[in-house]
Amino acid sequence: MALSLTPELDGWQIEKGDWSVNEDTLMNRGKGTSAFISLKARVGRNFEIRGEFQAGKSGLGVVAGHGHEPDGTERWLSCVMKNDRAYFLDRYYSCGTEKQPIEKLPHDKPVRFETSCRDGKITWKVNDKTAFQDVEPLEFHPPHAPLPLLPEGHVGFCHSLFDEGHVASIRKVELRLLK
């Protein structure tokens, strides 16, 4: 199903950043700091999100599993695409899973992404090329336990640094729940 984008951002929660909608495009105007927006619907641990983005040199992070653990700890994974690397972050912080090289992302053309999460494992494609296949991203600190995809998690978009003056545009976003 294609995700609804209204000028009021109905169904979305702005956590941080300058987010808006222009026609069918979700946009963030970079302020030289982090930004984060999440879909209010709970998608759980088994889903696929895909679409395309253009973000200049900032790149983009696709959020998987945003939510709170029973002890109140906020958790999510960021699937970040920037320059010529794809990597996971534990929220905005380093992760124990190695970065993967990808084809250098064009700053002037859309980049396709597809992230599939099933039973805690993530398969992730950038411009139709697989960067990660059935990976359980690891925590940064030993003993490197897998990072959780929360059963009541949300999806969204983020980055630890959207460059000042750069506009990130996200289009054609589709979400599918997997069984």
N, C-alpha and C. Protein backbone atom coordinates (compact mmCIF):
# COMPACT_ATOMS: atom_id res chain seq x y z
N MET A 1 0.84 -1.17 0.00
CA MET A 1 0.00 0.00 0.00
C MET A 1 0.89 1.24 0.00
N ALA A 2 0.53 2.22 -0.81
CA ALA A 2 1.26 3.48 -0.84
C ALA A 2 0.92 4.27 0.42
N LEU A 3 1.92 4.90 1.01
CA LEU A 3 1.69 5.67 2.23
C LEU A 3 1.10 7.03 1.89
N SER A 4 0.10 7.41 2.63
CA SER A 4 -0.60 8.67 2.42
C SER A 4 0.26 9.85 2.89
N LEU A 5 0.31 10.86 2.04
CA LEU A 5 1.03 12.08 2.40
C LEU A 5 0.10 13.27 2.19
N THR A 6 -0.32 13.90 3.29
CA THR A 6 -1.16 15.08 3.22
C THR A 6 -0.35 16.29 3.67
N PRO A 7 -0.74 17.49 3.26
CA PRO A 7 0.00 18.69 3.71
C PRO A 7 0.09 18.80 5.23
N GLU A 8 -0.90 18.23 5.94
CA GLU A 8 -0.90 18.29 7.41
C GLU A 8 -0.08 17.16 8.02
N LEU A 9 0.46 16.27 7.17
CA LEU A 9 1.21 15.10 7.62
C LEU A 9 0.37 14.22 8.54
N ASP A 10 -0.92 14.08 8.19
CA ASP A 10 -1.81 13.18 8.94
C ASP A 10 -1.21 11.78 8.95
N GLY A 11 -1.20 11.16 10.12
CA GLY A 11 -0.68 9.80 10.25
C GLY A 11 0.82 9.73 10.50
N TRP A 12 1.49 10.86 10.52
CA TRP A 12 2.94 10.91 10.75
C TRP A 12 3.22 11.67 12.04
N GLN A 13 4.31 11.33 12.70
CA GLN A 13 4.75 12.01 13.92
C GLN A 13 6.13 12.61 13.67
N ILE A 14 6.21 13.93 13.68
CA ILE A 14 7.51 14.59 13.54
C ILE A 14 8.20 14.54 14.90
N GLU A 15 9.33 13.86 14.94
CA GLU A 15 10.12 13.77 16.17
C GLU A 15 11.11 14.94 16.23
N LYS A 16 11.69 15.28 15.05
CA LYS A 16 12.66 16.36 14.99
C LYS A 16 12.86 16.71 13.52
N GLY A 17 13.06 17.97 13.22
CA GLY A 17 13.36 18.38 11.85
C GLY A 17 12.28 19.25 11.24
N ASP A 18 12.54 19.72 10.03
CA ASP A 18 11.66 20.61 9.28
C ASP A 18 11.01 19.83 8.15
N TRP A 19 9.99 19.03 8.48
CA TRP A 19 9.32 18.13 7.54
C TRP A 19 8.09 18.79 6.95
N SER A 20 7.84 18.51 5.66
CA SER A 20 6.65 19.01 4.99
C SER A 20 6.33 18.08 3.82
N VAL A 21 5.17 18.34 3.19
CA VAL A 21 4.76 17.58 2.01
C VAL A 21 4.54 18.56 0.87
N ASN A 22 5.10 18.22 -0.29
CA ASN A 22 4.85 18.96 -1.51
C ASN A 22 4.32 17.97 -2.52
N GLU A 23 3.01 18.07 -2.81
CA GLU A 23 2.31 17.10 -3.66
C GLU A 23 2.46 15.71 -3.07
N ASP A 24 3.15 14.79 -3.74
CA ASP A 24 3.29 13.41 -3.24
C ASP A 24 4.68 13.14 -2.69
N THR A 25 5.37 14.19 -2.24
CA THR A 25 6.75 14.08 -1.79
C THR A 25 6.90 14.54 -0.35
N LEU A 26 7.48 13.68 0.49
CA LEU A 26 7.82 14.03 1.86
C LEU A 26 9.19 14.69 1.83
N MET A 27 9.31 15.86 2.46
CA MET A 27 10.56 16.61 2.38
C MET A 27 11.05 17.02 3.77
N ASN A 28 12.38 17.06 3.90
CA ASN A 28 13.01 17.61 5.09
C ASN A 28 14.05 18.64 4.65
N ARG A 29 13.95 19.82 5.21
CA ARG A 29 14.94 20.87 4.93
C ARG A 29 16.03 20.78 5.99
N GLY A 30 17.25 20.51 5.55
CA GLY A 30 18.36 20.30 6.46
C GLY A 30 18.70 21.54 7.28
N LYS A 31 18.95 21.33 8.56
CA LYS A 31 19.33 22.40 9.49
C LYS A 31 20.72 22.16 10.08
N GLY A 32 21.46 21.20 9.50
CA GLY A 32 22.78 20.89 10.03
C GLY A 32 22.73 20.05 11.30
N THR A 33 21.62 19.35 11.48
CA THR A 33 21.45 18.51 12.66
C THR A 33 20.60 17.29 12.28
N SER A 34 20.23 16.49 13.25
CA SER A 34 19.44 15.29 12.98
C SER A 34 17.97 15.66 12.72
N ALA A 35 17.28 14.73 12.09
CA ALA A 35 15.84 14.86 11.86
C ALA A 35 15.25 13.46 11.84
N PHE A 36 13.97 13.36 12.22
CA PHE A 36 13.34 12.05 12.36
C PHE A 36 11.83 12.23 12.25
N ILE A 37 11.20 11.40 11.43
CA ILE A 37 9.74 11.37 11.31
C ILE A 37 9.32 9.90 11.29
N SER A 38 8.22 9.58 11.96
CA SER A 38 7.76 8.19 11.98
C SER A 38 6.29 8.12 11.60
N LEU A 39 5.93 6.99 11.01
CA LEU A 39 4.55 6.69 10.69
C LEU A 39 3.88 6.24 12.00
N LYS A 40 2.71 6.78 12.30
CA LYS A 40 2.06 6.45 13.57
C LYS A 40 1.58 5.00 13.64
N ALA A 41 1.32 4.38 12.50
CA ALA A 41 0.84 3.00 12.50
C ALA A 41 1.93 2.05 12.99
N ARG A 42 1.53 1.06 13.77
CA ARG A 42 2.47 0.05 14.25
C ARG A 42 2.56 -1.06 13.21
N VAL A 43 3.76 -1.34 12.76
CA VAL A 43 3.93 -2.34 11.71
C VAL A 43 4.55 -3.64 12.22
N GLY A 44 5.10 -3.61 13.42
CA GLY A 44 5.68 -4.83 14.01
C GLY A 44 7.04 -5.18 13.43
N ARG A 45 7.34 -6.49 13.42
CA ARG A 45 8.68 -6.97 13.05
C ARG A 45 8.77 -7.47 11.62
N ASN A 46 7.64 -7.66 10.95
CA ASN A 46 7.64 -8.27 9.61
C ASN A 46 6.97 -7.33 8.61
N PHE A 47 7.79 -6.64 7.84
CA PHE A 47 7.28 -5.67 6.89
C PHE A 47 8.31 -5.40 5.80
N GLU A 48 7.83 -4.74 4.78
CA GLU A 48 8.71 -4.27 3.70
C GLU A 48 8.35 -2.81 3.44
N ILE A 49 9.35 -1.95 3.35
CA ILE A 49 9.15 -0.55 2.99
C ILE A 49 10.07 -0.24 1.82
N ARG A 50 9.51 0.42 0.82
CA ARG A 50 10.31 0.76 -0.35
C ARG A 50 9.86 2.10 -0.91
N GLY A 51 10.71 2.68 -1.70
CA GLY A 51 10.42 3.96 -2.31
C GLY A 51 11.66 4.51 -2.96
N GLU A 52 11.70 5.82 -3.11
CA GLU A 52 12.89 6.46 -3.66
C GLU A 52 13.12 7.78 -2.95
N PHE A 53 14.37 8.20 -2.94
CA PHE A 53 14.71 9.46 -2.30
C PHE A 53 15.79 10.17 -3.09
N GLN A 54 15.88 11.45 -2.84
CA GLN A 54 16.97 12.27 -3.34
C GLN A 54 17.34 13.18 -2.18
N ALA A 55 18.58 13.10 -1.73
CA ALA A 55 18.93 13.80 -0.49
C ALA A 55 20.26 14.53 -0.57
N GLY A 56 20.75 14.81 -1.76
CA GLY A 56 22.04 15.47 -1.84
C GLY A 56 23.09 14.67 -1.13
N LYS A 57 24.08 15.33 -0.58
CA LYS A 57 25.16 14.59 0.08
C LYS A 57 24.78 14.06 1.45
N SER A 58 23.63 14.48 1.99
CA SER A 58 23.21 14.03 3.31
C SER A 58 22.91 12.54 3.36
N GLY A 59 22.34 11.99 2.30
CA GLY A 59 21.87 10.61 2.35
C GLY A 59 20.58 10.53 3.14
N LEU A 60 20.18 9.30 3.48
CA LEU A 60 18.91 9.09 4.16
C LEU A 60 18.98 7.84 5.01
N GLY A 61 18.24 7.84 6.11
CA GLY A 61 18.08 6.66 6.93
C GLY A 61 16.63 6.22 6.94
N VAL A 62 16.41 4.93 6.72
CA VAL A 62 15.07 4.35 6.84
C VAL A 62 14.98 3.76 8.24
N VAL A 63 13.98 4.17 8.99
CA VAL A 63 13.81 3.72 10.38
C VAL A 63 13.03 2.41 10.41
N ALA A 64 13.52 1.45 11.16
CA ALA A 64 12.82 0.18 11.35
C ALA A 64 12.63 -0.07 12.83
N GLY A 65 11.43 -0.39 13.23
CA GLY A 65 11.17 -0.84 14.59
C GLY A 65 11.19 0.21 15.66
N HIS A 66 10.84 1.46 15.34
CA HIS A 66 10.84 2.50 16.37
C HIS A 66 9.78 2.21 17.43
N GLY A 67 10.19 2.31 18.67
CA GLY A 67 9.26 2.11 19.78
C GLY A 67 10.00 2.08 21.10
N HIS A 68 9.30 1.62 22.14
CA HIS A 68 9.86 1.58 23.48
C HIS A 68 9.82 0.16 24.02
N GLU A 69 10.92 -0.23 24.65
CA GLU A 69 10.96 -1.53 25.30
C GLU A 69 10.18 -1.45 26.61
N PRO A 70 9.86 -2.60 27.22
CA PRO A 70 9.07 -2.58 28.46
C PRO A 70 9.67 -1.71 29.55
N ASP A 71 11.01 -1.55 29.57
CA ASP A 71 11.62 -0.70 30.60
C ASP A 71 11.59 0.79 30.22
N GLY A 72 10.96 1.12 29.08
CA GLY A 72 10.85 2.52 28.65
C GLY A 72 11.95 2.99 27.72
N THR A 73 12.96 2.14 27.46
CA THR A 73 14.06 2.52 26.58
C THR A 73 13.57 2.68 25.15
N GLU A 74 13.86 3.83 24.53
CA GLU A 74 13.49 4.05 23.14
C GLU A 74 14.48 3.33 22.24
N ARG A 75 13.97 2.58 21.25
CA ARG A 75 14.82 1.80 20.35
C ARG A 75 14.39 2.02 18.92
N TRP A 76 15.32 1.95 18.00
CA TRP A 76 15.04 1.79 16.59
C TRP A 76 16.34 1.54 15.87
N LEU A 77 16.23 0.99 14.68
CA LEU A 77 17.37 0.81 13.78
C LEU A 77 17.28 1.86 12.70
N SER A 78 18.40 2.41 12.30
CA SER A 78 18.47 3.30 11.15
C SER A 78 19.23 2.56 10.05
N CYS A 79 18.60 2.40 8.89
CA CYS A 79 19.25 1.81 7.72
C CYS A 79 19.71 2.97 6.86
N VAL A 80 20.97 3.36 7.00
CA VAL A 80 21.48 4.60 6.40
C VAL A 80 22.15 4.34 5.06
N MET A 81 21.83 5.19 4.10
CA MET A 81 22.47 5.19 2.78
C MET A 81 23.11 6.56 2.61
N LYS A 82 24.43 6.57 2.47
CA LYS A 82 25.13 7.84 2.32
C LYS A 82 26.38 7.64 1.48
N ASN A 83 26.54 8.49 0.48
CA ASN A 83 27.68 8.45 -0.44
C ASN A 83 27.82 7.06 -1.07
N ASP A 84 28.78 6.27 -0.61
CA ASP A 84 29.01 4.95 -1.20
C ASP A 84 28.98 3.85 -0.14
N ARG A 85 28.17 4.05 0.91
CA ARG A 85 28.07 3.08 2.00
C ARG A 85 26.61 2.89 2.43
N ALA A 86 26.32 1.66 2.83
CA ALA A 86 25.05 1.33 3.49
C ALA A 86 25.42 0.77 4.85
N TYR A 87 24.75 1.23 5.88
CA TYR A 87 25.09 0.77 7.22
C TYR A 87 23.92 0.94 8.17
N PHE A 88 23.99 0.18 9.26
CA PHE A 88 22.98 0.24 10.31
C PHE A 88 23.49 1.10 11.45
N LEU A 89 22.58 1.80 12.08
CA LEU A 89 22.87 2.50 13.32
C LEU A 89 21.86 2.04 14.37
N ASP A 90 22.29 2.04 15.61
CA ASP A 90 21.40 1.82 16.75
C ASP A 90 20.88 3.21 17.12
N ARG A 91 19.70 3.53 16.65
CA ARG A 91 19.17 4.89 16.66
C ARG A 91 20.09 5.74 15.78
N TYR A 92 20.85 6.66 16.35
CA TYR A 92 21.80 7.46 15.58
C TYR A 92 23.24 7.03 15.84
N TYR A 93 23.44 5.95 16.57
CA TYR A 93 24.77 5.60 17.04
C TYR A 93 25.33 4.40 16.30
N SER A 94 26.64 4.23 16.39
CA SER A 94 27.32 3.13 15.70
C SER A 94 26.72 1.79 16.05
N CYS A 95 26.92 0.85 15.15
CA CYS A 95 26.38 -0.50 15.28
C CYS A 95 27.54 -1.45 15.07
N GLY A 96 27.45 -2.67 15.61
CA GLY A 96 28.52 -3.65 15.46
C GLY A 96 28.54 -4.34 14.11
N THR A 97 27.55 -4.08 13.25
CA THR A 97 27.50 -4.69 11.92
C THR A 97 28.31 -3.85 10.94
N GLU A 98 29.17 -4.50 10.18
CA GLU A 98 30.06 -3.79 9.25
C GLU A 98 29.29 -3.02 8.18
N LYS A 99 29.82 -1.85 7.81
CA LYS A 99 29.28 -1.09 6.69
C LYS A 99 29.53 -1.87 5.41
N GLN A 100 28.63 -1.69 4.44
CA GLN A 100 28.78 -2.34 3.15
C GLN A 100 28.95 -1.30 2.06
N PRO A 101 29.87 -1.55 1.14
CA PRO A 101 30.01 -0.61 0.02
C PRO A 101 28.83 -0.75 -0.93
N ILE A 102 28.37 0.37 -1.45
CA ILE A 102 27.33 0.39 -2.47
C ILE A 102 27.79 1.32 -3.58
N GLU A 103 27.12 1.25 -4.70
CA GLU A 103 27.43 2.16 -5.80
C GLU A 103 27.25 3.59 -5.32
N LYS A 104 28.17 4.47 -5.69
CA LYS A 104 28.09 5.86 -5.24
C LYS A 104 26.73 6.45 -5.57
N LEU A 105 26.08 7.00 -4.57
CA LEU A 105 24.74 7.53 -4.75
C LEU A 105 24.80 8.86 -5.50
N PRO A 106 23.99 9.00 -6.53
CA PRO A 106 23.96 10.28 -7.24
C PRO A 106 23.27 11.33 -6.39
N HIS A 107 23.76 12.55 -6.42
CA HIS A 107 23.13 13.63 -5.67
C HIS A 107 22.01 14.28 -6.47
N ASP A 108 21.97 14.01 -7.77
CA ASP A 108 21.03 14.71 -8.65
C ASP A 108 19.95 13.81 -9.25
N LYS A 109 19.91 12.53 -8.82
CA LYS A 109 18.90 11.59 -9.32
C LYS A 109 18.33 10.80 -8.16
N PRO A 110 17.08 10.32 -8.31
CA PRO A 110 16.48 9.51 -7.24
C PRO A 110 17.23 8.20 -7.02
N VAL A 111 17.22 7.75 -5.77
CA VAL A 111 17.82 6.49 -5.36
C VAL A 111 16.68 5.60 -4.86
N ARG A 112 16.60 4.38 -5.36
CA ARG A 112 15.57 3.43 -4.91
C ARG A 112 16.07 2.68 -3.68
N PHE A 113 15.16 2.46 -2.74
CA PHE A 113 15.49 1.64 -1.56
C PHE A 113 14.37 0.64 -1.34
N GLU A 114 14.75 -0.49 -0.79
CA GLU A 114 13.78 -1.53 -0.39
C GLU A 114 14.36 -2.22 0.84
N THR A 115 13.64 -2.13 1.94
CA THR A 115 14.06 -2.74 3.19
C THR A 115 12.99 -3.73 3.63
N SER A 116 13.38 -5.00 3.77
CA SER A 116 12.46 -6.04 4.21
C SER A 116 12.92 -6.57 5.57
N CYS A 117 12.00 -6.61 6.51
CA CYS A 117 12.30 -7.12 7.85
C CYS A 117 11.40 -8.33 8.09
N ARG A 118 12.03 -9.44 8.48
CA ARG A 118 11.27 -10.66 8.77
C ARG A 118 11.98 -11.40 9.90
N ASP A 119 11.24 -11.60 10.99
CA ASP A 119 11.76 -12.36 12.13
C ASP A 119 13.11 -11.85 12.62
N GLY A 120 13.26 -10.52 12.67
CA GLY A 120 14.49 -9.92 13.19
C GLY A 120 15.62 -9.83 12.19
N LYS A 121 15.42 -10.32 10.96
CA LYS A 121 16.46 -10.27 9.94
C LYS A 121 16.07 -9.26 8.87
N ILE A 122 17.08 -8.56 8.36
CA ILE A 122 16.83 -7.48 7.40
C ILE A 122 17.54 -7.77 6.09
N THR A 123 16.78 -7.63 5.01
CA THR A 123 17.33 -7.63 3.66
C THR A 123 17.10 -6.24 3.11
N TRP A 124 18.14 -5.69 2.50
CA TRP A 124 18.09 -4.28 2.16
C TRP A 124 18.75 -4.07 0.81
N LYS A 125 17.99 -3.46 -0.11
CA LYS A 125 18.50 -3.18 -1.45
C LYS A 125 18.57 -1.68 -1.68
N VAL A 126 19.62 -1.26 -2.39
CA VAL A 126 19.80 0.12 -2.79
C VAL A 126 19.98 0.11 -4.31
N ASN A 127 19.09 0.82 -5.01
CA ASN A 127 19.10 0.81 -6.48
C ASN A 127 19.11 -0.62 -7.02
N ASP A 128 18.24 -1.45 -6.43
CA ASP A 128 18.02 -2.84 -6.85
C ASP A 128 19.21 -3.77 -6.62
N LYS A 129 20.22 -3.33 -5.91
CA LYS A 129 21.37 -4.19 -5.59
C LYS A 129 21.34 -4.47 -4.09
N THR A 130 21.53 -5.72 -3.73
CA THR A 130 21.45 -6.13 -2.33
C THR A 130 22.69 -5.67 -1.56
N ALA A 131 22.46 -4.89 -0.52
CA ALA A 131 23.54 -4.45 0.36
C ALA A 131 23.66 -5.38 1.56
N PHE A 132 22.52 -5.86 2.08
CA PHE A 132 22.49 -6.80 3.20
C PHE A 132 21.42 -7.85 2.91
N GLN A 133 21.73 -9.10 3.21
CA GLN A 133 20.79 -10.20 2.99
C GLN A 133 20.58 -10.95 4.30
N ASP A 134 19.37 -10.93 4.82
CA ASP A 134 19.01 -11.66 6.04
C ASP A 134 20.00 -11.42 7.18
N VAL A 135 20.27 -10.16 7.47
CA VAL A 135 21.23 -9.77 8.50
C VAL A 135 20.49 -9.45 9.80
N GLU A 136 21.05 -9.87 10.92
CA GLU A 136 20.60 -9.41 12.23
C GLU A 136 21.61 -8.37 12.69
N PRO A 137 21.29 -7.08 12.58
CA PRO A 137 22.25 -6.04 12.99
C PRO A 137 22.64 -6.21 14.45
N LEU A 138 23.90 -5.94 14.74
CA LEU A 138 24.45 -6.18 16.08
C LEU A 138 24.66 -4.88 16.84
N GLU A 139 24.51 -4.97 18.16
CA GLU A 139 24.83 -3.83 19.02
C GLU A 139 26.31 -3.50 18.90
N PHE A 140 26.66 -2.27 19.20
CA PHE A 140 28.04 -1.82 19.11
C PHE A 140 28.90 -2.43 20.21
N HIS A 141 28.36 -2.50 21.41
CA HIS A 141 29.15 -2.98 22.56
C HIS A 141 29.13 -4.50 22.65
N PRO A 142 30.29 -5.13 22.92
CA PRO A 142 30.31 -6.58 23.13
C PRO A 142 29.36 -6.93 24.26
N PRO A 143 28.72 -8.05 24.22
CA PRO A 143 28.95 -9.18 23.35
C PRO A 143 28.19 -9.11 22.03
N HIS A 144 27.87 -7.95 21.53
CA HIS A 144 27.25 -7.77 20.23
C HIS A 144 25.93 -8.54 20.08
N ALA A 145 25.03 -8.34 20.99
CA ALA A 145 23.70 -8.95 20.86
C ALA A 145 22.98 -8.34 19.66
N PRO A 146 22.09 -9.10 19.02
CA PRO A 146 21.32 -8.51 17.91
C PRO A 146 20.47 -7.33 18.40
N LEU A 147 20.38 -6.31 17.57
CA LEU A 147 19.51 -5.18 17.88
C LEU A 147 18.06 -5.60 17.64
N PRO A 148 17.14 -5.17 18.49
CA PRO A 148 15.77 -5.66 18.37
C PRO A 148 14.98 -4.93 17.28
N LEU A 149 14.08 -5.66 16.66
CA LEU A 149 12.99 -5.06 15.89
C LEU A 149 11.77 -5.26 16.78
N LEU A 150 11.24 -4.19 17.31
CA LEU A 150 10.21 -4.29 18.34
C LEU A 150 8.88 -4.79 17.78
N PRO A 151 8.21 -5.67 18.53
CA PRO A 151 6.93 -6.23 18.07
C PRO A 151 5.87 -5.16 17.78
N GLU A 152 5.94 -4.04 18.48
CA GLU A 152 4.98 -2.95 18.27
C GLU A 152 5.65 -1.77 17.58
N GLY A 153 6.65 -2.03 16.75
CA GLY A 153 7.46 -0.97 16.16
C GLY A 153 6.79 -0.19 15.04
N HIS A 154 7.36 0.98 14.77
CA HIS A 154 6.94 1.88 13.71
C HIS A 154 8.06 1.98 12.68
N VAL A 155 7.76 2.53 11.51
CA VAL A 155 8.76 2.84 10.49
C VAL A 155 8.80 4.35 10.29
N GLY A 156 9.85 4.80 9.62
CA GLY A 156 9.97 6.22 9.34
C GLY A 156 11.25 6.53 8.61
N PHE A 157 11.66 7.79 8.69
CA PHE A 157 12.87 8.26 8.02
C PHE A 157 13.64 9.17 8.97
N CYS A 158 14.98 9.13 8.85
CA CYS A 158 15.80 9.94 9.73
C CYS A 158 17.20 10.08 9.14
N HIS A 159 17.99 10.86 9.80
CA HIS A 159 19.43 10.90 9.58
C HIS A 159 20.03 11.63 10.76
N SER A 160 21.24 11.23 11.12
CA SER A 160 21.91 11.89 12.24
C SER A 160 22.39 13.28 11.87
N LEU A 161 22.51 13.56 10.55
CA LEU A 161 22.92 14.90 10.12
C LEU A 161 22.40 15.18 8.73
N PHE A 162 21.32 15.97 8.65
CA PHE A 162 20.87 16.50 7.36
C PHE A 162 21.59 17.82 7.16
N ASP A 163 22.43 17.86 6.14
CA ASP A 163 23.28 19.03 5.92
C ASP A 163 22.48 20.31 5.75
N GLU A 164 23.00 21.39 6.32
CA GLU A 164 22.39 22.71 6.26
C GLU A 164 22.05 23.07 4.82
N GLY A 165 20.79 23.45 4.60
CA GLY A 165 20.36 23.91 3.29
C GLY A 165 20.02 22.82 2.29
N HIS A 166 20.34 21.57 2.58
CA HIS A 166 20.01 20.48 1.66
C HIS A 166 18.57 20.03 1.91
N VAL A 167 17.90 19.66 0.85
CA VAL A 167 16.53 19.17 0.96
C VAL A 167 16.51 17.68 0.63
N ALA A 168 15.98 16.89 1.54
CA ALA A 168 15.78 15.47 1.30
C ALA A 168 14.34 15.29 0.81
N SER A 169 14.19 14.62 -0.34
CA SER A 169 12.87 14.36 -0.91
C SER A 169 12.65 12.85 -0.95
N ILE A 170 11.51 12.40 -0.42
CA ILE A 170 11.20 10.98 -0.34
C ILE A 170 9.87 10.76 -1.05
N ARG A 171 9.87 9.87 -2.07
CA ARG A 171 8.68 9.67 -2.90
C ARG A 171 8.38 8.18 -3.06
N LYS A 172 7.17 7.96 -3.56
CA LYS A 172 6.73 6.61 -3.96
C LYS A 172 6.90 5.60 -2.84
N VAL A 173 6.64 6.01 -1.62
CA VAL A 173 6.84 5.12 -0.48
C VAL A 173 5.67 4.14 -0.37
N GLU A 174 6.01 2.87 -0.32
CA GLU A 174 5.03 1.82 -0.15
C GLU A 174 5.42 0.97 1.06
N LEU A 175 4.41 0.53 1.77
CA LEU A 175 4.61 -0.31 2.95
C LEU A 175 3.74 -1.55 2.78
N ARG A 176 4.35 -2.70 3.07
CA ARG A 176 3.60 -3.95 2.99
C ARG A 176 3.92 -4.76 4.25
N LEU A 177 2.88 -5.22 4.93
CA LEU A 177 3.07 -6.08 6.09
C LEU A 177 3.28 -7.49 5.60
N LEU A 178 4.26 -8.19 6.20
CA LEU A 178 4.59 -9.55 5.81
C LEU A 178 4.11 -10.51 6.88
N LYS A 179 3.78 -11.71 6.48
CA LYS A 179 3.30 -12.72 7.44
C LYS A 179 4.42 -13.62 7.83
